[in-house]
Amino acid sequence: MIPKEETLKVEFKSDIRKLPDADIFDAVVAFANTDGGEIYLGVENDGSVTGVHKAHENPITLGAYIANNTVPPISVRTEILSGDKPVLKISVPKLSGGIAATASGKILRRQIKLDGTPENIPMYPQELPTRLSHLRLLDYSAMPIANASVDDFDPLELARLRSVILANEGDSLLLELQDEDLYKALGFAKEAEGRLAPTITGLLMIGRTSSIETHIPTHAVSFQVLEASSVLINEDMNLPLLAAYEKISTMIDARNPEREIELGTGLYRMSVPAFHRRAIREAIVNAFSHRDYTKMGRVRVCVSDEGLTIANPGGFVEGVTIHNLLTAEPFGRNPLLSDALKRVGLAEKTGRGIDRIYEGSLIYGKRPPDYAASTSTTVSLLIPRCAPDPDLIRVISNEQLRLGRPLTLPALLIMNVLRDKPNSNIRRLSTLSGISVDRIAAILDNAVEAGYVEARGFGARSTYKIANGKYSVMKNNTEENLIGEKHVEYQARNERNRLLFSDPVLALALSQEYISRKDVMRLLHLSGPQAYRVLKKLSAEGELEPVNKGRYSKYRLA
C-alpha cells in the first residue's frame, strides 16, 4: 500500500528517466540520520505511480549497492510492490550508533519545510555534536576549551560551590581538596598541552560571567512572570549555573505562596506550597544538565496563572519520550555536568530527578506535571497551579505513616488516577498512568490488603477505587456529621496522636542508632518546626532522649 503523500518518514522518487544512484544514497543517508522511513521509487511528488526503471527492478542488487555506498553500511529492506506499474519500496532503519554518510562524504538529514513538505538537507559541522550527544555518543560538557585557562574561573563562584556542597550535604570529601585537585575531581579542568584547560562543565559551574559569554555564548537563562497576557518581569542572565539557580530560586520563592491545609478534624495541619520546593530544584537542575549547549537558546523559567513552566533547548535524548519518562533509564545529554551537580548535592543522586518532580505534585493530591508542550528541539515542563486535595493528602499521609516510609511514585500515580477515575480496572489504570499491568496488579494487591483501596469483582473484571471511609465518605461528610463525633474524638485524641506521630517515630528510632529532625520531616512529611515539636513532645514524655543540643540535635530511644 503506497501512502498518499510525503511526510518526514515517506519520500516519493520519480524513476522514469532512471534516478541517479547518488540521489538514492543521499535519500537513504538522510532517513538514517533522522527517524528512518520509506522511499518509494517510481512515484511522483503528487503521489501518482509512474513505475520503477528497469535498472532498479532487482531489489536484492540495489540493497547491496546501497550498503556498499554508505558509511557505515546501511542495511535497507527492499521489495517490489506489484501493480500496473511496479514500485520499489526501500525501508531505511534509523541509525542509532552514529552518523551516516555516503561513500563520497555527504552527510544529510530530513526536515519539514515551512509549507509542510519534507526535504533532505546537509548536516553541517556545528550540528554534529548535537546529533552525537542526542545518540549518547558524545559528552559535549566534558570537552576542554583550548583557548581558556583556570584564570577564567571566578573565586567567588568557587566559594559558592563549597558552600553549596556543605548546605546540600554533597560529597564532603570534595571540601578537603585544594582548588586544583577539586577542578580535576569534578572534571572542571583537564590536562591539555601541559596545562589545565577548563571544560564546558567547569566554566558553566564556576566560570566568570565574561568568560562564559565569550566561550559558551549559547548559555543563557531567562526568568519571566506573566499575569494573564501582561509581562510583569522578564529578566535575562548569563550567570554561572549555581548563581543562576540561587537567583531563580529566590525569585520563585517570593511567588510561591503556601496554603494551610487542615487534615482530618483539626488533628494537625500541613502547609502546602503552590509549587513543591524540591520539585522546583530538580526541574531547574534538569533543565541545566539536559539542555543542548551546542544550540542557541535559553533555559526559560516562567511563573504564570497557569503554573510554573521550565523549558530548555534540546529535545529528549535518544530512547526517551513523554510516554516513557518515568520508566526510561536515566541518562543525561551532558553526563559530566549531571555528575557534578549530583556530587555538589543539587541534583538527585540516583539520576531520577523526574520522580521527585512528579512526587512534588502527587503527594498533595494535585495534577501531575505536564510535558505535552515538548518538541523534538525543546523539553518543556509545566507544573500546574492547582488546589491541593486535603482528603487525598490524608489518605496518602496515613498510609505513609503506617508504612513508616513514603509511598512509591507508581502508587501515588495510581491514587491520582483513582481519585479522578474511580472504578477503573487494571488495564485502564495502566493506560492512564503509563505503568505496566503486572506492576499495577502488585501495587493494588498491597493497597487492598492495607485497606485504602477497595476491589470489586473477581479476576480480570475487578475494578478499584479509593476505599470508602478513606476518601469518598470524607468528601461527603458535612460539618453537622462531625459534631456528634466530638466527644469520641476528644477521648481518643491522645491515642490517635500516638498512632499518627509517636509510633512511626519510635519505630524509626528503634531501627537506627539516632534520629534527627530531618528524619522526622521525611517520615511524616512535616515542616521543620512541626517535626521539632514532635521530637520535643516525645522527649518530654520520656520516650526519646536528646544526644546533643542545638539546631542539628539528634535523639535516641530513652
Protein backbone atom coordinates (compact mmCIF):
# COMPACT_ATOMS: atom_id res chain seq x y z
CA MET A 1 0.00 0.00 0.00
CA ILE A 2 1.55 3.30 -1.11
CA PRO A 3 0.92 6.36 1.13
CA LYS A 4 -0.99 9.28 -0.35
CA GLU A 5 1.58 11.98 0.41
CA GLU A 6 5.15 12.59 1.53
CA THR A 7 5.98 13.02 5.21
CA LEU A 8 9.10 13.10 7.33
CA LYS A 9 9.17 9.29 7.05
CA VAL A 10 7.90 8.92 3.48
CA GLU A 11 9.52 10.11 0.26
CA PHE A 12 8.48 9.65 -3.38
CA LYS A 13 11.12 9.44 -6.11
CA SER A 14 10.43 9.61 -9.83
CA ASP A 15 12.30 6.90 -11.74
CA ILE A 16 11.02 7.49 -15.28
CA ARG A 17 14.42 8.65 -16.50
CA LYS A 18 16.38 6.43 -14.07
CA LEU A 19 17.04 8.31 -10.88
CA PRO A 20 20.81 8.71 -10.37
CA ASP A 21 22.12 6.22 -7.81
CA ALA A 22 23.80 9.07 -5.89
CA ASP A 23 20.34 10.58 -5.24
CA ILE A 24 19.17 7.27 -3.79
CA PHE A 25 22.23 7.11 -1.49
CA ASP A 26 21.60 10.71 -0.38
CA ALA A 27 17.99 9.93 0.50
CA VAL A 28 18.91 6.75 2.41
CA VAL A 29 21.52 8.61 4.48
CA ALA A 30 19.07 11.45 5.25
CA PHE A 31 16.47 8.96 6.51
CA ALA A 32 19.06 7.04 8.57
CA ASN A 33 20.23 10.27 10.25
CA THR A 34 16.68 11.30 11.19
CA ASP A 35 13.96 8.83 12.15
CA GLY A 36 14.18 6.24 9.39
CA GLY A 37 11.36 5.74 6.90
CA GLU A 38 10.43 4.54 3.44
CA ILE A 39 11.44 5.60 -0.05
CA TYR A 40 9.08 4.74 -2.93
CA LEU A 41 10.98 4.57 -6.21
CA GLY A 42 8.63 5.04 -9.16
CA VAL A 43 6.17 7.51 -7.58
CA GLU A 44 5.90 11.21 -8.49
CA ASN A 45 5.76 14.01 -5.90
CA ASP A 46 1.98 14.27 -6.32
CA GLY A 47 1.59 10.57 -5.47
CA SER A 48 0.90 9.31 -8.99
CA VAL A 49 2.56 6.00 -9.82
CA THR A 50 4.81 6.01 -12.89
CA GLY A 51 6.80 2.83 -12.19
CA VAL A 52 10.36 1.90 -11.35
CA HIS A 53 13.06 1.97 -14.06
CA LYS A 54 14.26 -1.38 -15.37
CA ALA A 55 17.75 -0.73 -13.98
CA HIS A 56 16.28 -0.69 -10.44
CA GLU A 57 13.92 -3.64 -10.73
CA ASN A 58 16.22 -6.05 -8.87
CA PRO A 59 15.71 -5.23 -5.16
CA ILE A 60 18.48 -7.52 -3.91
CA THR A 61 21.11 -5.91 -6.12
CA LEU A 62 20.03 -2.38 -5.21
CA GLY A 63 20.04 -3.19 -1.46
CA ALA A 64 23.62 -4.45 -1.69
CA TYR A 65 24.60 -1.42 -3.77
CA ILE A 66 23.23 0.93 -1.11
CA ALA A 67 25.15 -0.86 1.67
CA ASN A 68 28.38 -0.61 -0.36
CA ASN A 69 27.96 3.14 -0.86
CA THR A 70 27.06 4.28 2.66
CA VAL A 71 29.29 4.65 5.72
CA PRO A 72 28.66 2.79 7.93
CA PRO A 73 26.92 0.34 5.59
CA ILE A 74 23.16 0.83 5.93
CA SER A 75 21.18 -2.37 5.70
CA VAL A 76 17.91 -1.49 3.99
CA ARG A 77 14.94 -3.73 3.20
CA THR A 78 13.84 -3.60 -0.45
CA GLU A 79 10.78 -5.04 -2.12
CA ILE A 80 8.85 -4.65 -5.37
CA LEU A 81 5.21 -3.60 -4.93
CA SER A 82 3.31 -5.24 -7.77
CA GLY A 83 0.64 -3.42 -9.76
CA ASP A 84 0.02 -1.99 -13.19
CA LYS A 85 3.31 -0.19 -12.76
CA PRO A 86 5.69 -1.79 -10.23
CA VAL A 87 7.18 0.39 -7.48
CA LEU A 88 10.35 -0.29 -5.49
CA LYS A 89 9.93 0.27 -1.74
CA ILE A 90 13.14 0.93 0.23
CA SER A 91 12.72 0.71 4.02
CA VAL A 92 15.50 2.57 5.85
CA PRO A 93 16.16 1.99 9.59
CA LYS A 94 17.08 4.82 11.91
CA LEU A 95 20.82 4.74 12.63
CA SER A 96 21.32 4.76 16.39
CA GLY A 97 25.03 4.02 16.55
CA GLY A 98 26.47 7.16 14.98
CA ILE A 99 26.12 9.37 11.92
CA ALA A 100 25.68 8.02 8.41
CA ALA A 101 27.34 9.42 5.29
CA THR A 102 27.54 8.49 1.64
CA ALA A 103 30.75 6.93 0.37
CA SER A 104 31.51 10.30 -1.23
CA GLY A 105 31.34 12.01 2.19
CA LYS A 106 27.90 13.66 2.13
CA ILE A 107 26.01 13.84 5.45
CA LEU A 108 22.33 14.71 5.23
CA ARG A 109 19.19 14.76 7.37
CA ARG A 110 15.48 15.31 6.80
CA GLN A 111 13.37 18.23 7.90
CA ILE A 112 9.92 19.70 7.31
CA LYS A 113 9.80 22.92 5.30
CA LEU A 114 7.55 25.88 6.13
CA ASP A 115 4.95 24.64 3.64
CA GLY A 116 4.74 21.31 5.50
CA THR A 117 6.55 19.20 2.89
CA PRO A 118 9.75 17.27 3.68
CA GLU A 119 13.21 17.78 2.24
CA ASN A 120 16.74 16.37 2.56
CA ILE A 121 19.31 18.95 3.64
CA PRO A 122 23.04 18.85 4.53
CA MET A 123 24.04 18.30 8.14
CA TYR A 124 26.63 20.97 8.89
CA PRO A 125 29.69 20.55 11.15
CA GLN A 126 28.15 22.55 14.02
CA GLU A 127 25.21 20.14 14.05
CA LEU A 128 27.34 17.03 14.52
CA PRO A 129 27.91 17.45 18.30
CA THR A 130 24.16 17.83 18.80
CA ARG A 131 23.47 14.66 16.86
CA LEU A 132 26.18 12.69 18.68
CA SER A 133 25.07 13.85 22.13
CA HIS A 134 21.47 13.03 21.19
CA LEU A 135 22.68 9.49 20.46
CA ARG A 136 24.66 9.43 23.74
CA LEU A 137 27.93 9.13 21.83
CA LEU A 138 29.43 12.48 22.85
CA ASP A 139 29.56 14.36 26.13
CA TYR A 140 29.82 17.96 25.00
CA SER A 141 30.03 19.17 28.60
CA ALA A 142 33.33 17.26 29.06
CA MET A 143 35.08 18.98 26.16
CA PRO A 144 38.06 21.16 27.19
CA ILE A 145 38.17 24.76 25.95
CA ALA A 146 41.58 25.15 24.32
CA ASN A 147 41.89 28.94 24.46
CA ALA A 148 40.70 29.27 28.08
CA SER A 149 42.57 28.82 31.37
CA VAL A 150 41.79 28.29 35.04
CA ASP A 151 42.04 32.08 35.40
CA ASP A 152 38.58 32.09 33.79
CA PHE A 153 37.23 30.53 36.99
CA ASP A 154 35.69 33.02 39.43
CA PRO A 155 36.98 32.72 43.04
CA LEU A 156 33.58 33.89 44.32
CA GLU A 157 31.84 31.10 42.40
CA LEU A 158 34.35 28.58 43.77
CA ALA A 159 33.45 29.75 47.28
CA ARG A 160 29.77 29.44 46.38
CA LEU A 161 30.42 25.88 45.17
CA ARG A 162 31.94 24.90 48.51
CA SER A 163 29.03 26.45 50.43
CA VAL A 164 26.52 24.60 48.22
CA ILE A 165 28.27 21.28 48.94
CA LEU A 166 28.09 21.99 52.66
CA ALA A 167 24.47 23.21 52.67
CA ASN A 168 23.09 20.42 50.48
CA GLU A 169 25.00 17.51 52.02
CA GLY A 170 27.04 16.94 48.88
CA ASP A 171 30.22 14.89 48.64
CA SER A 172 32.03 16.11 51.77
CA LEU A 173 35.35 14.72 50.54
CA LEU A 174 35.42 17.48 47.92
CA LEU A 175 35.68 20.08 50.68
CA GLU A 176 39.05 18.66 51.74
CA LEU A 177 40.63 19.16 48.30
CA GLN A 178 42.78 22.07 47.19
CA ASP A 179 41.41 24.13 44.31
CA GLU A 180 43.34 22.39 41.53
CA ASP A 181 42.52 18.93 42.87
CA LEU A 182 38.87 19.96 43.16
CA TYR A 183 38.85 21.01 39.49
CA LYS A 184 40.19 17.61 38.46
CA ALA A 185 37.89 15.64 40.76
CA LEU A 186 34.76 17.29 39.34
CA GLY A 187 36.02 17.37 35.75
CA PHE A 188 36.10 21.17 35.75
CA ALA A 189 39.51 21.12 34.07
CA LYS A 190 41.63 18.65 32.12
CA GLU A 191 45.30 18.38 31.25
CA ALA A 192 45.90 19.71 27.71
CA GLU A 193 49.32 20.50 26.24
CA GLY A 194 50.95 20.58 29.65
CA ARG A 195 48.41 22.86 31.34
CA LEU A 196 44.95 22.72 32.86
CA ALA A 197 42.23 23.70 30.41
CA PRO A 198 38.69 24.37 31.68
CA THR A 199 35.93 22.11 30.42
CA ILE A 200 32.47 23.26 29.37
CA THR A 201 31.22 21.94 32.73
CA GLY A 202 33.87 23.84 34.70
CA LEU A 203 33.12 27.14 33.02
CA LEU A 204 29.37 26.68 33.37
CA MET A 205 29.65 25.90 37.08
CA ILE A 206 32.25 28.38 38.36
CA GLY A 207 33.29 30.50 35.36
CA ARG A 208 33.39 34.27 35.25
CA THR A 209 30.35 35.73 33.52
CA SER A 210 32.51 37.43 30.89
CA SER A 211 34.33 34.16 30.16
CA ILE A 212 31.05 32.26 29.81
CA GLU A 213 29.76 34.87 27.36
CA THR A 214 32.97 34.51 25.33
CA HIS A 215 33.44 30.74 25.29
CA ILE A 216 29.85 29.44 25.72
CA PRO A 217 27.70 32.08 24.01
CA THR A 218 24.80 29.62 23.80
CA HIS A 219 24.32 29.68 27.59
CA ALA A 220 21.53 31.96 28.76
CA VAL A 221 18.70 31.84 31.29
CA SER A 222 15.54 33.92 31.40
CA PHE A 223 13.05 34.40 34.23
CA GLN A 224 9.57 35.65 33.48
CA VAL A 225 6.45 36.44 35.46
CA LEU A 226 3.21 36.67 33.48
CA GLU A 227 -0.17 37.84 34.70
CA ALA A 228 -2.75 36.95 32.04
CA SER A 229 -1.17 38.49 28.91
CA SER A 230 0.86 41.09 30.83
CA VAL A 231 4.61 40.62 31.33
CA LEU A 232 5.49 41.71 34.86
CA ILE A 233 9.11 40.51 34.87
CA ASN A 234 11.37 39.47 32.00
CA GLU A 235 14.99 39.15 33.10
CA ASP A 236 17.82 37.55 31.11
CA MET A 237 21.03 36.39 32.77
CA ASN A 238 24.32 34.76 31.75
CA LEU A 239 25.35 33.79 35.27
CA PRO A 240 27.17 30.57 36.17
CA LEU A 241 24.74 27.77 36.95
CA LEU A 242 24.97 27.88 40.76
CA ALA A 243 24.46 31.64 40.86
CA ALA A 244 21.64 31.40 38.32
CA TYR A 245 19.95 28.66 40.33
CA GLU A 246 20.11 30.65 43.57
CA LYS A 247 18.75 33.79 41.93
CA ILE A 248 15.90 31.99 40.19
CA SER A 249 15.00 30.06 43.37
CA THR A 250 14.81 33.29 45.35
CA MET A 251 12.54 34.89 42.75
CA ILE A 252 10.26 31.83 42.67
CA ASP A 253 10.09 31.66 46.49
CA ALA A 254 8.71 35.21 46.51
CA ARG A 255 5.88 33.97 44.25
CA ASN A 256 5.25 30.59 45.84
CA PRO A 257 2.51 31.11 48.45
CA GLU A 258 1.70 28.41 50.97
CA ARG A 259 -1.78 27.23 51.88
CA GLU A 260 -2.58 25.83 55.30
CA ILE A 261 -4.49 22.55 54.99
CA GLU A 262 -6.36 21.01 57.92
CA LEU A 263 -6.22 17.25 57.75
CA GLY A 264 -8.91 15.27 59.48
CA THR A 265 -10.88 17.19 62.12
CA GLY A 266 -8.23 19.57 63.38
CA LEU A 267 -5.79 16.83 64.39
CA TYR A 268 -2.92 18.51 62.58
CA ARG A 269 -2.29 21.00 59.81
CA MET A 270 0.02 20.99 56.83
CA SER A 271 1.47 23.88 54.85
CA VAL A 272 1.18 23.16 51.12
CA PRO A 273 3.14 25.43 48.75
CA ALA A 274 1.86 26.25 45.28
CA PHE A 275 4.99 24.52 43.92
CA HIS A 276 6.95 21.93 45.88
CA ARG A 277 10.44 23.32 46.53
CA ARG A 278 12.23 20.04 45.93
CA ALA A 279 10.39 19.62 42.63
CA ILE A 280 11.39 23.16 41.61
CA ARG A 281 15.02 22.41 42.36
CA GLU A 282 15.04 19.16 40.38
CA ALA A 283 13.22 20.78 37.44
CA ILE A 284 15.67 23.68 37.19
CA VAL A 285 18.71 21.42 37.61
CA ASN A 286 17.30 19.03 34.97
CA ALA A 287 16.92 21.93 32.53
CA PHE A 288 20.55 22.97 33.12
CA SER A 289 22.01 19.47 32.86
CA HIS A 290 19.95 18.22 29.89
CA ARG A 291 19.93 21.30 27.66
CA ASP A 292 21.84 21.29 24.37
CA TYR A 293 24.73 23.73 24.80
CA THR A 294 25.65 23.50 21.11
CA LYS A 295 22.44 25.35 20.17
CA MET A 296 21.49 28.96 20.66
CA GLY A 297 18.59 29.45 23.02
CA ARG A 298 17.99 29.79 26.72
CA VAL A 299 16.61 27.94 29.69
CA ARG A 300 13.27 29.63 30.33
CA VAL A 301 11.60 29.75 33.75
CA CYS A 302 8.13 31.32 33.76
CA VAL A 303 5.65 31.81 36.59
CA SER A 304 2.13 32.38 35.28
CA ASP A 305 -1.52 31.95 36.21
CA GLU A 306 -1.32 28.50 34.64
CA GLY A 307 1.62 27.33 36.71
CA LEU A 308 5.41 27.09 36.60
CA THR A 309 6.96 26.41 33.19
CA ILE A 310 10.61 25.35 32.80
CA ALA A 311 11.86 24.78 29.25
CA ASN A 312 15.28 24.14 27.74
CA PRO A 313 16.74 23.85 24.22
CA GLY A 314 17.34 20.28 23.02
CA GLY A 315 14.69 17.59 22.79
CA PHE A 316 14.70 14.33 24.71
CA VAL A 317 17.77 12.17 24.15
CA GLU A 318 17.56 9.01 22.06
CA GLY A 319 15.17 6.48 23.57
CA VAL A 320 13.28 8.91 25.83
CA THR A 321 9.78 10.21 25.04
CA ILE A 322 6.98 11.85 27.03
CA HIS A 323 5.41 8.38 27.23
CA ASN A 324 8.34 6.61 28.94
CA LEU A 325 9.79 9.45 31.03
CA LEU A 326 9.14 7.62 34.27
CA THR A 327 10.44 4.23 33.14
CA ALA A 328 13.38 5.04 30.82
CA GLU A 329 16.86 4.54 32.24
CA PRO A 330 18.21 7.90 33.43
CA PHE A 331 20.82 9.32 31.04
CA GLY A 332 21.66 12.96 30.56
CA ARG A 333 22.75 14.80 27.46
CA ASN A 334 25.72 16.13 29.46
CA PRO A 335 26.91 13.30 31.76
CA LEU A 336 29.87 15.21 33.28
CA LEU A 337 27.73 18.23 34.12
CA SER A 338 24.98 15.98 35.55
CA ASP A 339 27.52 14.13 37.69
CA ALA A 340 28.97 17.40 39.03
CA LEU A 341 25.50 18.65 40.00
CA LYS A 342 24.84 15.37 41.82
CA ARG A 343 28.12 15.44 43.71
CA VAL A 344 27.63 19.01 44.95
CA GLY A 345 24.20 17.98 46.26
CA LEU A 346 21.88 19.88 43.91
CA ALA A 347 20.68 17.01 41.71
CA GLU A 348 19.08 13.73 42.75
CA LYS A 349 21.97 11.29 43.30
CA THR A 350 20.12 8.37 41.72
CA GLY A 351 19.56 10.31 38.49
CA ARG A 352 15.78 10.01 38.99
CA GLY A 353 15.06 13.71 39.41
CA ILE A 354 11.95 13.23 37.28
CA ASP A 355 10.47 11.13 40.12
CA ARG A 356 10.93 13.98 42.59
CA ILE A 357 9.25 16.39 40.17
CA TYR A 358 6.18 14.16 39.95
CA GLU A 359 6.07 13.39 43.66
CA GLY A 360 6.10 17.12 44.43
CA SER A 361 2.60 17.39 42.94
CA LEU A 362 1.14 13.95 43.66
CA ILE A 363 1.74 13.88 47.43
CA TYR A 364 -0.56 16.90 47.71
CA GLY A 365 -3.28 15.41 45.53
CA LYS A 366 -2.52 17.85 42.70
CA ARG A 367 -2.44 17.28 38.97
CA PRO A 368 0.78 15.65 37.73
CA PRO A 369 3.44 17.63 35.82
CA ASP A 370 2.84 18.05 32.08
CA TYR A 371 5.47 17.60 29.35
CA ALA A 372 2.97 17.76 26.46
CA ALA A 373 4.41 21.03 25.07
CA SER A 374 7.81 19.38 24.42
CA THR A 375 9.00 19.06 20.82
CA SER A 376 11.93 17.45 19.02
CA THR A 377 14.01 20.56 19.80
CA THR A 378 12.71 21.63 23.21
CA VAL A 379 11.78 19.99 26.51
CA SER A 380 9.01 21.96 28.22
CA LEU A 381 7.70 21.12 31.70
CA LEU A 382 4.57 22.65 33.24
CA ILE A 383 3.93 22.20 36.97
CA PRO A 384 0.25 23.17 37.11
CA ARG A 385 -1.01 25.70 39.62
CA CYS A 386 -3.97 23.90 41.24
CA ALA A 387 -5.55 23.45 44.64
CA PRO A 388 -4.42 20.54 46.84
CA ASP A 389 -6.88 17.81 47.75
CA PRO A 390 -6.97 17.60 51.59
CA ASP A 391 -8.81 14.27 51.59
CA LEU A 392 -6.34 12.60 49.26
CA ILE A 393 -3.46 14.11 51.25
CA ARG A 394 -4.93 12.48 54.35
CA VAL A 395 -5.20 9.08 52.70
CA ILE A 396 -1.61 9.29 51.45
CA SER A 397 -0.26 10.62 54.76
CA ASN A 398 -1.97 7.94 56.84
CA GLU A 399 -0.65 5.17 54.63
CA GLN A 400 2.87 6.61 54.72
CA LEU A 401 2.68 6.80 58.50
CA ARG A 402 1.54 3.19 58.65
CA LEU A 403 4.41 2.07 56.40
CA GLY A 404 6.98 4.32 58.04
CA ARG A 405 8.17 5.48 54.62
CA PRO A 406 6.92 7.47 51.61
CA LEU A 407 4.66 5.79 49.05
CA THR A 408 6.35 4.89 45.79
CA LEU A 409 5.79 7.07 42.73
CA PRO A 410 3.75 4.35 40.92
CA ALA A 411 1.47 4.08 43.97
CA LEU A 412 0.99 7.87 44.01
CA LEU A 413 0.18 7.84 40.29
CA ILE A 414 -2.43 5.12 40.80
CA MET A 415 -4.04 7.05 43.68
CA ASN A 416 -4.18 10.13 41.48
CA VAL A 417 -5.92 8.19 38.70
CA LEU A 418 -8.38 6.51 41.09
CA ARG A 419 -9.32 9.91 42.52
CA ASP A 420 -10.35 11.11 39.03
CA LYS A 421 -11.43 7.75 37.55
CA PRO A 422 -12.91 5.58 40.31
CA ASN A 423 -14.00 2.03 39.47
CA SER A 424 -11.19 1.59 36.93
CA ASN A 425 -9.83 -1.82 36.03
CA ILE A 426 -6.15 -2.67 35.85
CA ARG A 427 -5.85 -2.16 32.08
CA ARG A 428 -7.44 1.27 32.28
CA LEU A 429 -5.14 2.22 35.15
CA SER A 430 -2.17 1.06 33.10
CA THR A 431 -3.22 3.18 30.13
CA LEU A 432 -3.82 6.31 32.22
CA SER A 433 -0.73 6.00 34.42
CA GLY A 434 1.79 4.53 31.97
CA ILE A 435 2.66 1.75 34.44
CA SER A 436 2.80 -1.89 33.38
CA VAL A 437 -0.18 -4.13 34.14
CA ASP A 438 1.87 -6.53 36.27
CA ARG A 439 3.29 -3.75 38.41
CA ILE A 440 -0.12 -2.17 38.93
CA ALA A 441 -1.55 -5.53 39.99
CA ALA A 442 1.16 -5.91 42.65
CA ILE A 443 0.63 -2.35 43.95
CA LEU A 444 -3.15 -2.81 44.10
CA ASP A 445 -2.82 -6.11 45.97
CA ASN A 446 -0.84 -4.33 48.69
CA ALA A 447 -3.21 -1.34 48.69
CA VAL A 448 -6.30 -3.55 49.05
CA GLU A 449 -4.64 -5.51 51.86
CA ALA A 450 -3.75 -2.24 53.62
CA GLY A 451 -7.35 -1.10 53.29
CA TYR A 452 -7.01 2.20 51.45
CA VAL A 453 -8.17 0.78 48.10
CA GLU A 454 -11.31 -1.30 47.55
CA ALA A 455 -11.71 -4.01 44.89
CA ARG A 456 -14.97 -5.04 43.28
CA GLY A 457 -15.46 -8.15 41.20
CA PHE A 458 -13.09 -11.02 40.60
CA GLY A 459 -10.15 -11.74 38.32
CA ALA A 460 -9.70 -9.69 35.16
CA ARG A 461 -13.08 -7.95 35.71
CA SER A 462 -12.06 -6.43 39.05
CA THR A 463 -12.41 -2.67 39.40
CA TYR A 464 -10.81 -0.47 42.04
CA LYS A 465 -11.47 2.76 43.90
CA ILE A 466 -10.16 4.57 46.97
CA ALA A 467 -11.82 2.87 49.94
CA ASN A 468 -14.99 4.31 51.42
CA GLY A 469 -14.23 5.96 54.73
CA LYS A 470 -10.76 6.76 53.42
CA TYR A 471 -11.79 9.23 50.75
CA SER A 472 -15.37 9.13 49.40
CA VAL A 473 -17.12 9.33 52.77
CA MET A 474 -14.81 12.11 53.94
CA LYS A 475 -15.69 14.20 50.89
CA ASN A 476 -19.42 13.75 51.57
CA ASN A 477 -19.29 14.44 55.32
CA THR A 478 -20.78 17.75 56.42
CA GLU A 479 -19.88 19.80 59.46
CA GLU A 480 -23.05 18.52 61.17
CA ASN A 481 -21.95 14.92 60.72
CA LEU A 482 -18.76 15.67 62.60
CA ILE A 483 -20.33 17.44 65.59
CA GLY A 484 -21.77 14.22 67.01
CA GLU A 485 -18.31 12.69 66.98
CA LYS A 486 -16.64 15.41 69.07
CA HIS A 487 -16.94 13.55 72.38
CA VAL A 488 -15.46 10.32 70.97
CA GLU A 489 -12.79 12.31 69.21
CA TYR A 490 -11.86 14.10 72.44
CA GLN A 491 -11.42 10.81 74.30
CA ALA A 492 -9.37 9.25 71.51
CA ARG A 493 -7.23 12.29 70.64
CA ASN A 494 -4.19 11.31 72.71
CA GLU A 495 -4.21 7.74 71.43
CA ARG A 496 -4.57 8.89 67.81
CA ASN A 497 -1.70 11.29 68.29
CA ARG A 498 0.45 8.33 69.20
CA LEU A 499 -0.79 6.35 66.22
CA LEU A 500 -0.16 9.21 63.80
CA PHE A 501 3.12 10.51 65.18
CA SER A 502 4.72 8.64 68.05
CA ASP A 503 4.65 5.07 66.84
CA PRO A 504 6.33 5.63 63.43
CA VAL A 505 8.93 7.92 65.02
CA LEU A 506 9.70 5.44 67.78
CA ALA A 507 9.83 2.62 65.23
CA LEU A 508 12.34 4.64 63.24
CA ALA A 509 14.38 5.33 66.38
CA LEU A 510 14.34 1.60 67.11
CA SER A 511 15.69 0.78 63.64
CA GLN A 512 18.71 3.09 63.78
CA GLU A 513 21.08 4.48 66.38
CA TYR A 514 19.94 8.11 66.19
CA ILE A 515 17.19 10.12 64.50
CA SER A 516 17.17 13.81 63.61
CA ARG A 517 14.59 16.44 62.77
CA LYS A 518 15.23 15.81 59.06
CA ASP A 519 14.40 12.12 59.54
CA VAL A 520 11.02 13.04 61.04
CA MET A 521 10.37 15.62 58.29
CA ARG A 522 10.93 12.95 55.63
CA LEU A 523 9.00 10.28 57.53
CA LEU A 524 5.89 12.33 58.31
CA HIS A 525 6.12 14.97 55.54
CA LEU A 526 6.14 17.77 58.12
CA SER A 527 7.80 21.16 58.18
CA GLY A 528 10.92 21.71 60.31
CA PRO A 529 9.07 23.33 63.24
CA GLN A 530 6.37 20.62 63.22
CA ALA A 531 8.99 17.85 63.30
CA TYR A 532 10.81 19.65 66.11
CA ARG A 533 7.61 19.78 68.20
CA VAL A 534 7.03 16.04 67.69
CA LEU A 535 10.56 15.27 68.91
CA LYS A 536 10.26 17.62 71.89
CA LYS A 537 6.92 16.03 72.87
CA LEU A 538 8.38 12.51 72.78
CA SER A 539 11.41 13.71 74.69
CA ALA A 540 9.20 15.33 77.38
CA GLU A 541 7.21 12.09 77.68
CA GLY A 542 10.40 10.16 78.29
CA GLU A 543 10.20 8.15 75.05
CA LEU A 544 13.28 9.78 73.49
CA GLU A 545 16.37 11.43 74.89
CA PRO A 546 18.50 14.09 73.14
CA VAL A 547 22.09 13.17 72.35
CA ASN A 548 23.22 16.73 71.74
CA LYS A 549 21.66 20.17 71.63
CA GLY A 550 21.25 22.87 69.05
CA ARG A 551 19.89 23.08 65.52
CA TYR A 552 21.36 19.71 64.49
CA SER A 553 20.42 17.80 67.65
CA LYS A 554 19.82 14.07 67.43
CA TYR A 555 17.66 11.75 69.53
CA ARG A 556 17.68 8.10 70.54
CA LEU A 557 15.33 5.81 72.45
CA ALA A 558 15.35 6.57 76.16
